[in-house]
Amino acid sequence: MNEIVTLLPLITVFVIFYLILYLPQRRRQKKHKQYVEALKIGDDVITDSGIYGRVVNIKEETVTLVIKKGEIEILKTKILFK
């Protein structure tokens, strides 16, 4: 019983870190995944590097965007969730 009491602060810290850091991050990832899966041609998006563009083609893992100077192809994961 004494071992459990000595480990209780450590277990409490792990639980707090889980609740404060891990759960919100998982929720954000889930929302981002839903947003990326719902992309359609014509949507205006922002990339993680700050490039604004309009979706013109969607592939399995990449998206083609039209920007002022032409077109670029980026990974879907690099599109920011608005």
C-alpha atoms as a PDB file:
ATOM      1  CA  MET A   1       0.000   0.000   0.000  1.00  0.00           C
ATOM      2  CA  ASN A   2       2.871   2.343   0.801  1.00  0.00           C
ATOM      3  CA  GLU A   3       4.282   1.950  -2.745  1.00  0.00           C
ATOM      4  CA  ILE A   4       1.006   3.136  -4.262  1.00  0.00           C
ATOM      5  CA  VAL A   5       0.992   6.221  -2.048  1.00  0.00           C
ATOM      6  CA  THR A   6       4.527   7.107  -3.128  1.00  0.00           C
ATOM      7  CA  LEU A   7       3.615   6.667  -6.815  1.00  0.00           C
ATOM      8  CA  LEU A   8       0.374   8.640  -6.546  1.00  0.00           C
ATOM      9  CA  PRO A   9       1.958  12.063  -7.321  1.00  0.00           C
ATOM     10  CA  LEU A  10       3.670  10.643 -10.408  1.00  0.00           C
ATOM     11  CA  ILE A  11       0.461   9.012 -11.615  1.00  0.00           C
ATOM     12  CA  THR A  12      -1.411  12.268 -10.996  1.00  0.00           C
ATOM     13  CA  VAL A  13       1.099  14.211 -13.103  1.00  0.00           C
ATOM     14  CA  PHE A  14       0.708  11.738 -15.990  1.00  0.00           C
ATOM     15  CA  VAL A  15      -3.075  11.991 -15.812  1.00  0.00           C
ATOM     16  CA  ILE A  16      -2.942  15.801 -15.822  1.00  0.00           C
ATOM     17  CA  PHE A  17      -0.560  15.845 -18.814  1.00  0.00           C
ATOM     18  CA  TYR A  18      -2.856  13.448 -20.645  1.00  0.00           C
ATOM     19  CA  LEU A  19      -5.912  15.599 -20.011  1.00  0.00           C
ATOM     20  CA  ILE A  20      -4.256  18.944 -20.712  1.00  0.00           C
ATOM     21  CA  LEU A  21      -1.982  18.101 -23.652  1.00  0.00           C
ATOM     22  CA  TYR A  22      -2.923  14.875 -25.382  1.00  0.00           C
ATOM     23  CA  LEU A  23      -6.733  15.049 -25.559  1.00  0.00           C
ATOM     24  CA  PRO A  24      -6.970  18.571 -27.054  1.00  0.00           C
ATOM     25  CA  GLN A  25      -4.283  17.729 -29.620  1.00  0.00           C
ATOM     26  CA  ARG A  26      -6.168  14.602 -30.643  1.00  0.00           C
ATOM     27  CA  ARG A  27      -9.374  16.625 -31.044  1.00  0.00           C
ATOM     28  CA  ARG A  28      -7.566  19.171 -33.251  1.00  0.00           C
ATOM     29  CA  GLN A  29      -6.120  16.382 -35.398  1.00  0.00           C
ATOM     30  CA  LYS A  30      -9.553  14.824 -35.814  1.00  0.00           C
ATOM     31  CA  LYS A  31     -11.088  18.175 -36.859  1.00  0.00           C
ATOM     32  CA  HIS A  32      -8.233  18.792 -39.314  1.00  0.00           C
ATOM     33  CA  LYS A  33      -8.654  15.354 -40.846  1.00  0.00           C
ATOM     34  CA  GLN A  34     -12.398  15.944 -41.314  1.00  0.00           C
ATOM     35  CA  TYR A  35     -11.696  19.356 -42.865  1.00  0.00           C
ATOM     36  CA  VAL A  36      -9.145  17.950 -45.316  1.00  0.00           C
ATOM     37  CA  GLU A  37     -11.428  15.056 -46.292  1.00  0.00           C
ATOM     38  CA  ALA A  38     -14.254  17.527 -46.973  1.00  0.00           C
ATOM     39  CA  LEU A  39     -12.175  19.673 -49.350  1.00  0.00           C
ATOM     40  CA  LYS A  40     -13.700  20.191 -52.760  1.00  0.00           C
ATOM     41  CA  ILE A  41     -12.636  21.915 -55.937  1.00  0.00           C
ATOM     42  CA  GLY A  42     -13.094  25.668 -55.673  1.00  0.00           C
ATOM     43  CA  ASP A  43     -12.413  25.936 -51.926  1.00  0.00           C
ATOM     44  CA  ASP A  44     -10.091  28.735 -50.831  1.00  0.00           C
ATOM     45  CA  VAL A  45      -7.419  27.454 -48.447  1.00  0.00           C
ATOM     46  CA  ILE A  46      -4.292  28.537 -46.604  1.00  0.00           C
ATOM     47  CA  THR A  47      -1.210  26.330 -46.380  1.00  0.00           C
ATOM     48  CA  ASP A  48       0.882  26.014 -43.231  1.00  0.00           C
ATOM     49  CA  SER A  49       3.514  28.213 -44.894  1.00  0.00           C
ATOM     50  CA  GLY A  50       0.981  31.033 -45.403  1.00  0.00           C
ATOM     51  CA  ILE A  51       0.198  30.567 -49.105  1.00  0.00           C
ATOM     52  CA  TYR A  52      -3.370  31.379 -50.101  1.00  0.00           C
ATOM     53  CA  GLY A  53      -4.809  29.422 -52.994  1.00  0.00           C
ATOM     54  CA  ARG A  54      -7.866  27.851 -54.563  1.00  0.00           C
ATOM     55  CA  VAL A  55      -8.203  24.081 -54.925  1.00  0.00           C
ATOM     56  CA  VAL A  56      -8.307  22.969 -58.566  1.00  0.00           C
ATOM     57  CA  ASN A  57      -7.429  19.288 -58.303  1.00  0.00           C
ATOM     58  CA  ILE A  58      -7.609  16.737 -55.507  1.00  0.00           C
ATOM     59  CA  LYS A  59      -5.615  13.512 -55.485  1.00  0.00           C
ATOM     60  CA  GLU A  60      -5.283  10.843 -52.832  1.00  0.00           C
ATOM     61  CA  GLU A  61      -2.573  12.593 -50.791  1.00  0.00           C
ATOM     62  CA  THR A  62      -2.020  15.894 -52.608  1.00  0.00           C
ATOM     63  CA  VAL A  63      -3.971  18.962 -53.627  1.00  0.00           C
ATOM     64  CA  THR A  64      -3.227  21.299 -56.521  1.00  0.00           C
ATOM     65  CA  LEU A  65      -3.739  24.976 -55.749  1.00  0.00           C
ATOM     66  CA  VAL A  66      -3.958  27.925 -58.099  1.00  0.00           C
ATOM     67  CA  ILE A  67      -2.013  30.894 -56.811  1.00  0.00           C
ATOM     68  CA  LYS A  68      -1.265  34.268 -58.363  1.00  0.00           C
ATOM     69  CA  LYS A  69       1.902  33.057 -60.124  1.00  0.00           C
ATOM     70  CA  GLY A  70       0.638  29.654 -61.290  1.00  0.00           C
ATOM     71  CA  GLU A  71      -0.131  26.321 -59.697  1.00  0.00           C
ATOM     72  CA  ILE A  72       1.462  24.354 -56.890  1.00  0.00           C
ATOM     73  CA  GLU A  73       0.891  20.842 -55.617  1.00  0.00           C
ATOM     74  CA  ILE A  74       1.056  20.292 -51.863  1.00  0.00           C
ATOM     75  CA  LEU A  75       0.284  17.543 -49.389  1.00  0.00           C
ATOM     76  CA  LYS A  76      -3.205  17.595 -47.914  1.00  0.00           C
ATOM     77  CA  THR A  77      -1.715  17.547 -44.428  1.00  0.00           C
ATOM     78  CA  LYS A  78      -0.128  20.963 -45.050  1.00  0.00           C
ATOM     79  CA  ILE A  79      -3.478  22.728 -45.426  1.00  0.00           C
ATOM     80  CA  LEU A  80      -4.499  24.644 -42.305  1.00  0.00           C
ATOM     81  CA  PHE A  81      -7.808  24.146 -40.574  1.00  0.00           C
ATOM     82  CA  LYS A  82      -9.783  27.404 -40.539  1.00  0.00           C
END
